[in-house]
Amino acid sequence: MNLASGVLQISTLLGASLVARLLFDQVNRILLVSFPERLTRANFDLTDAALALFVAQQGSVDTIIDFSHVSEDVDTSVIVARAYSPWPAQEKRQVFVVSSDVMEGVFRMYALHHEAAGFGTTRVVRSLDGALAVLGAAAAGFDPVTPG
């Protein structure tokens, strides 16, 4: 998989560096994205580009995005605006992991808008174990997405 070099190219084109980590469970075909600390438009755009590249190379997969380490200082208009964009692997499941009541509320708001726009259901859970339970993959084993 040549995702890492593609992410570097995307980062260079967008004038920023991607700080999200991508991990993949090949057996269950689940991508785990550890989102950076800041919920900024630039971080979302870079993560979207990495997800789209991954999907182009590996096909659609269920995705867990781990927001458990993000700051609660967030512009909710950025989150709501994102809800009206399709997911790169739209026909697959997406699960968001959050660690606080505030972030759970923010991402439940996203999920409601996303579903109302016709883009499917997003589950919001409080732990990685909860996300894996939603996807029926309790024994998942994730490896870093690396060049090669």
C-alpha atoms as a PDB file:
ATOM      1  CA  MET A   1       0.000   0.000   0.000  1.00  0.00           C
ATOM      2  CA  ASN A   2       1.398   3.399  -0.908  1.00  0.00           C
ATOM      3  CA  LEU A   3      -0.865   5.531   1.247  1.00  0.00           C
ATOM      4  CA  ALA A   4       1.771   7.289   3.334  1.00  0.00           C
ATOM      5  CA  SER A   5       3.548   8.801   0.337  1.00  0.00           C
ATOM      6  CA  GLY A   6       0.161   9.840  -1.047  1.00  0.00           C
ATOM      7  CA  VAL A   7      -0.707  11.516   2.237  1.00  0.00           C
ATOM      8  CA  LEU A   8       2.590  13.384   2.143  1.00  0.00           C
ATOM      9  CA  GLN A   9       1.792  14.548  -1.394  1.00  0.00           C
ATOM     10  CA  ILE A  10      -1.672  15.693  -0.320  1.00  0.00           C
ATOM     11  CA  SER A  11      -0.210  17.474   2.695  1.00  0.00           C
ATOM     12  CA  THR A  12       2.322  19.255   0.512  1.00  0.00           C
ATOM     13  CA  LEU A  13      -0.351  20.307  -1.975  1.00  0.00           C
ATOM     14  CA  LEU A  14      -2.541  21.683   0.801  1.00  0.00           C
ATOM     15  CA  GLY A  15       0.414  23.393   2.496  1.00  0.00           C
ATOM     16  CA  ALA A  16       0.033  21.530   5.788  1.00  0.00           C
ATOM     17  CA  SER A  17       1.032  18.312   7.419  1.00  0.00           C
ATOM     18  CA  LEU A  18      -1.342  15.532   8.324  1.00  0.00           C
ATOM     19  CA  VAL A  19      -1.168  14.627  11.978  1.00  0.00           C
ATOM     20  CA  ALA A  20      -3.919  11.999  11.988  1.00  0.00           C
ATOM     21  CA  ARG A  21      -2.746   8.375  12.287  1.00  0.00           C
ATOM     22  CA  LEU A  22      -4.260   5.730  10.039  1.00  0.00           C
ATOM     23  CA  LEU A  23      -4.400   2.091  11.159  1.00  0.00           C
ATOM     24  CA  PHE A  24      -5.995  -0.768   9.271  1.00  0.00           C
ATOM     25  CA  ASP A  25      -7.438  -4.122  10.301  1.00  0.00           C
ATOM     26  CA  GLN A  26      -7.220  -6.201   7.103  1.00  0.00           C
ATOM     27  CA  VAL A  27      -9.195  -9.154   8.457  1.00  0.00           C
ATOM     28  CA  ASN A  28     -12.295  -7.111   9.321  1.00  0.00           C
ATOM     29  CA  ARG A  29     -11.536  -4.344   6.763  1.00  0.00           C
ATOM     30  CA  ILE A  30     -11.792  -1.536   9.280  1.00  0.00           C
ATOM     31  CA  LEU A  31      -9.836   1.696   9.023  1.00  0.00           C
ATOM     32  CA  LEU A  32      -9.083   3.433  12.328  1.00  0.00           C
ATOM     33  CA  VAL A  33      -8.220   7.120  12.126  1.00  0.00           C
ATOM     34  CA  SER A  34      -6.822   8.792  15.209  1.00  0.00           C
ATOM     35  CA  PHE A  35      -7.824  12.428  14.709  1.00  0.00           C
ATOM     36  CA  PRO A  36      -5.487  15.271  15.730  1.00  0.00           C
ATOM     37  CA  GLU A  37      -6.112  17.370  18.822  1.00  0.00           C
ATOM     38  CA  ARG A  38      -7.656  20.312  16.956  1.00  0.00           C
ATOM     39  CA  LEU A  39     -10.963  20.144  15.067  1.00  0.00           C
ATOM     40  CA  THR A  40      -9.988  22.585  12.351  1.00  0.00           C
ATOM     41  CA  ARG A  41     -11.162  22.807   8.767  1.00  0.00           C
ATOM     42  CA  ALA A  42      -7.575  22.165   7.617  1.00  0.00           C
ATOM     43  CA  ASN A  43      -7.285  18.984   9.726  1.00  0.00           C
ATOM     44  CA  PHE A  44     -10.636  17.771   8.409  1.00  0.00           C
ATOM     45  CA  ASP A  45      -9.619  18.526   4.808  1.00  0.00           C
ATOM     46  CA  LEU A  46      -6.321  16.654   5.169  1.00  0.00           C
ATOM     47  CA  THR A  47      -8.039  13.699   6.823  1.00  0.00           C
ATOM     48  CA  ASP A  48     -10.704  13.649   4.082  1.00  0.00           C
ATOM     49  CA  ALA A  49      -7.972  13.581   1.440  1.00  0.00           C
ATOM     50  CA  ALA A  50      -6.183  10.716   3.209  1.00  0.00           C
ATOM     51  CA  LEU A  51      -9.467   8.790   3.531  1.00  0.00           C
ATOM     52  CA  ALA A  52     -10.290   9.326  -0.139  1.00  0.00           C
ATOM     53  CA  LEU A  53      -6.816   8.123  -1.136  1.00  0.00           C
ATOM     54  CA  PHE A  54      -7.147   5.065   1.096  1.00  0.00           C
ATOM     55  CA  VAL A  55     -10.564   4.229  -0.399  1.00  0.00           C
ATOM     56  CA  ALA A  56      -9.193   4.688  -3.923  1.00  0.00           C
ATOM     57  CA  GLN A  57      -6.386   2.225  -3.186  1.00  0.00           C
ATOM     58  CA  GLN A  58      -8.096  -0.291  -0.883  1.00  0.00           C
ATOM     59  CA  GLY A  59     -11.782   0.097  -1.652  1.00  0.00           C
ATOM     60  CA  SER A  60     -14.531   1.105   0.739  1.00  0.00           C
ATOM     61  CA  VAL A  61     -14.133  -0.039   4.325  1.00  0.00           C
ATOM     62  CA  ASP A  62     -15.893   0.555   7.612  1.00  0.00           C
ATOM     63  CA  THR A  63     -14.223   3.454   9.394  1.00  0.00           C
ATOM     64  CA  ILE A  64     -13.723   4.414  13.018  1.00  0.00           C
ATOM     65  CA  ILE A  65     -12.622   7.963  13.650  1.00  0.00           C
ATOM     66  CA  ASP A  66     -11.240   8.401  17.139  1.00  0.00           C
ATOM     67  CA  PHE A  67     -11.929  11.928  18.352  1.00  0.00           C
ATOM     68  CA  SER A  68     -11.218  11.013  21.980  1.00  0.00           C
ATOM     69  CA  HIS A  69      -8.133  13.235  22.208  1.00  0.00           C
ATOM     70  CA  VAL A  70      -9.516  16.365  20.565  1.00  0.00           C
ATOM     71  CA  SER A  71      -9.938  19.655  22.338  1.00  0.00           C
ATOM     72  CA  GLU A  72     -13.455  20.679  23.301  1.00  0.00           C
ATOM     73  CA  ASP A  73     -12.715  24.149  21.925  1.00  0.00           C
ATOM     74  CA  VAL A  74     -14.513  23.703  18.612  1.00  0.00           C
ATOM     75  CA  ASP A  75     -16.397  25.842  16.134  1.00  0.00           C
ATOM     76  CA  THR A  76     -19.603  23.839  15.760  1.00  0.00           C
ATOM     77  CA  SER A  77     -20.345  25.517  12.414  1.00  0.00           C
ATOM     78  CA  VAL A  78     -17.380  23.585  10.965  1.00  0.00           C
ATOM     79  CA  ILE A  79     -18.904  20.316  12.210  1.00  0.00           C
ATOM     80  CA  VAL A  80     -22.400  21.112  10.905  1.00  0.00           C
ATOM     81  CA  ALA A  81     -21.025  22.176   7.505  1.00  0.00           C
ATOM     82  CA  ARG A  82     -19.139  18.865   7.266  1.00  0.00           C
ATOM     83  CA  ALA A  83     -22.354  16.954   7.840  1.00  0.00           C
ATOM     84  CA  TYR A  84     -23.560  18.038   4.404  1.00  0.00           C
ATOM     85  CA  SER A  85     -20.657  16.383   2.584  1.00  0.00           C
ATOM     86  CA  PRO A  86     -20.617  12.733   1.531  1.00  0.00           C
ATOM     87  CA  TRP A  87     -18.350  10.277   3.312  1.00  0.00           C
ATOM     88  CA  PRO A  88     -15.559   8.830   1.104  1.00  0.00           C
ATOM     89  CA  ALA A  89     -16.827   5.286   1.801  1.00  0.00           C
ATOM     90  CA  GLN A  90     -20.497   6.221   1.903  1.00  0.00           C
ATOM     91  CA  GLU A  91     -21.882   2.706   1.575  1.00  0.00           C
ATOM     92  CA  LYS A  92     -19.860   1.532   4.595  1.00  0.00           C
ATOM     93  CA  ARG A  93     -20.378   2.171   8.287  1.00  0.00           C
ATOM     94  CA  GLN A  94     -18.750   5.026  10.151  1.00  0.00           C
ATOM     95  CA  VAL A  95     -18.357   5.207  13.899  1.00  0.00           C
ATOM     96  CA  PHE A  96     -17.022   8.158  15.868  1.00  0.00           C
ATOM     97  CA  VAL A  97     -15.323   7.687  19.245  1.00  0.00           C
ATOM     98  CA  VAL A  98     -15.582  10.594  21.682  1.00  0.00           C
ATOM     99  CA  SER A  99     -14.514  10.936  25.294  1.00  0.00           C
ATOM    100  CA  SER A 100     -16.743  13.624  26.784  1.00  0.00           C
ATOM    101  CA  ASP A 101     -20.375  14.634  27.013  1.00  0.00           C
ATOM    102  CA  VAL A 102     -19.609  17.856  25.134  1.00  0.00           C
ATOM    103  CA  MET A 103     -17.999  16.063  22.191  1.00  0.00           C
ATOM    104  CA  GLU A 104     -20.734  13.434  22.190  1.00  0.00           C
ATOM    105  CA  GLY A 105     -23.273  16.229  21.778  1.00  0.00           C
ATOM    106  CA  VAL A 106     -21.248  17.886  19.007  1.00  0.00           C
ATOM    107  CA  PHE A 107     -20.948  14.678  17.007  1.00  0.00           C
ATOM    108  CA  ARG A 108     -24.538  13.595  17.607  1.00  0.00           C
ATOM    109  CA  MET A 109     -25.467  16.953  16.048  1.00  0.00           C
ATOM    110  CA  TYR A 110     -23.221  16.060  13.083  1.00  0.00           C
ATOM    111  CA  ALA A 111     -24.861  12.633  12.811  1.00  0.00           C
ATOM    112  CA  LEU A 112     -28.384  14.097  12.766  1.00  0.00           C
ATOM    113  CA  HIS A 113     -27.504  16.589  10.023  1.00  0.00           C
ATOM    114  CA  HIS A 114     -25.564  13.966   8.033  1.00  0.00           C
ATOM    115  CA  GLU A 115     -28.460  11.542   8.087  1.00  0.00           C
ATOM    116  CA  ALA A 116     -31.006  14.281   7.286  1.00  0.00           C
ATOM    117  CA  ALA A 117     -28.910  15.162   4.215  1.00  0.00           C
ATOM    118  CA  GLY A 118     -29.298  11.574   3.012  1.00  0.00           C
ATOM    119  CA  PHE A 119     -25.731  10.457   3.674  1.00  0.00           C
ATOM    120  CA  GLY A 120     -26.439   7.570   6.028  1.00  0.00           C
ATOM    121  CA  THR A 121     -26.125   6.933   9.727  1.00  0.00           C
ATOM    122  CA  THR A 122     -23.110   7.740  11.868  1.00  0.00           C
ATOM    123  CA  ARG A 123     -22.809   6.068  15.257  1.00  0.00           C
ATOM    124  CA  VAL A 124     -21.241   7.959  18.157  1.00  0.00           C
ATOM    125  CA  VAL A 125     -19.738   5.898  20.996  1.00  0.00           C
ATOM    126  CA  ARG A 126     -17.527   6.544  24.012  1.00  0.00           C
ATOM    127  CA  SER A 127     -14.752   3.986  23.478  1.00  0.00           C
ATOM    128  CA  LEU A 128     -12.862   2.016  20.859  1.00  0.00           C
ATOM    129  CA  ASP A 129     -14.359  -1.157  22.339  1.00  0.00           C
ATOM    130  CA  GLY A 130     -17.811   0.347  21.788  1.00  0.00           C
ATOM    131  CA  ALA A 131     -16.948   1.138  18.171  1.00  0.00           C
ATOM    132  CA  LEU A 132     -15.667  -2.378  17.566  1.00  0.00           C
ATOM    133  CA  ALA A 133     -18.848  -3.795  19.112  1.00  0.00           C
ATOM    134  CA  VAL A 134     -20.960  -1.711  16.704  1.00  0.00           C
ATOM    135  CA  LEU A 135     -18.938  -3.165  13.818  1.00  0.00           C
ATOM    136  CA  GLY A 136     -18.988  -6.721  15.220  1.00  0.00           C
ATOM    137  CA  ALA A 137     -15.208  -6.899  15.363  1.00  0.00           C
ATOM    138  CA  ALA A 138     -14.233  -7.221  19.017  1.00  0.00           C
ATOM    139  CA  ALA A 139     -10.991  -9.024  18.119  1.00  0.00           C
ATOM    140  CA  ALA A 140      -9.742  -6.447  15.611  1.00  0.00           C
ATOM    141  CA  GLY A 141      -6.002  -6.013  15.208  1.00  0.00           C
ATOM    142  CA  PHE A 142      -4.812  -2.741  13.706  1.00  0.00           C
ATOM    143  CA  ASP A 143      -1.539  -2.162  11.885  1.00  0.00           C
ATOM    144  CA  PRO A 144      -0.199   1.249  10.862  1.00  0.00           C
ATOM    145  CA  VAL A 145      -0.823   2.206   7.258  1.00  0.00           C
ATOM    146  CA  THR A 146       2.691   2.488   5.850  1.00  0.00           C
ATOM    147  CA  PRO A 147       4.300   2.806   2.436  1.00  0.00           C
ATOM    148  CA  GLY A 148       5.136  -0.336   0.603  1.00  0.00           C
END
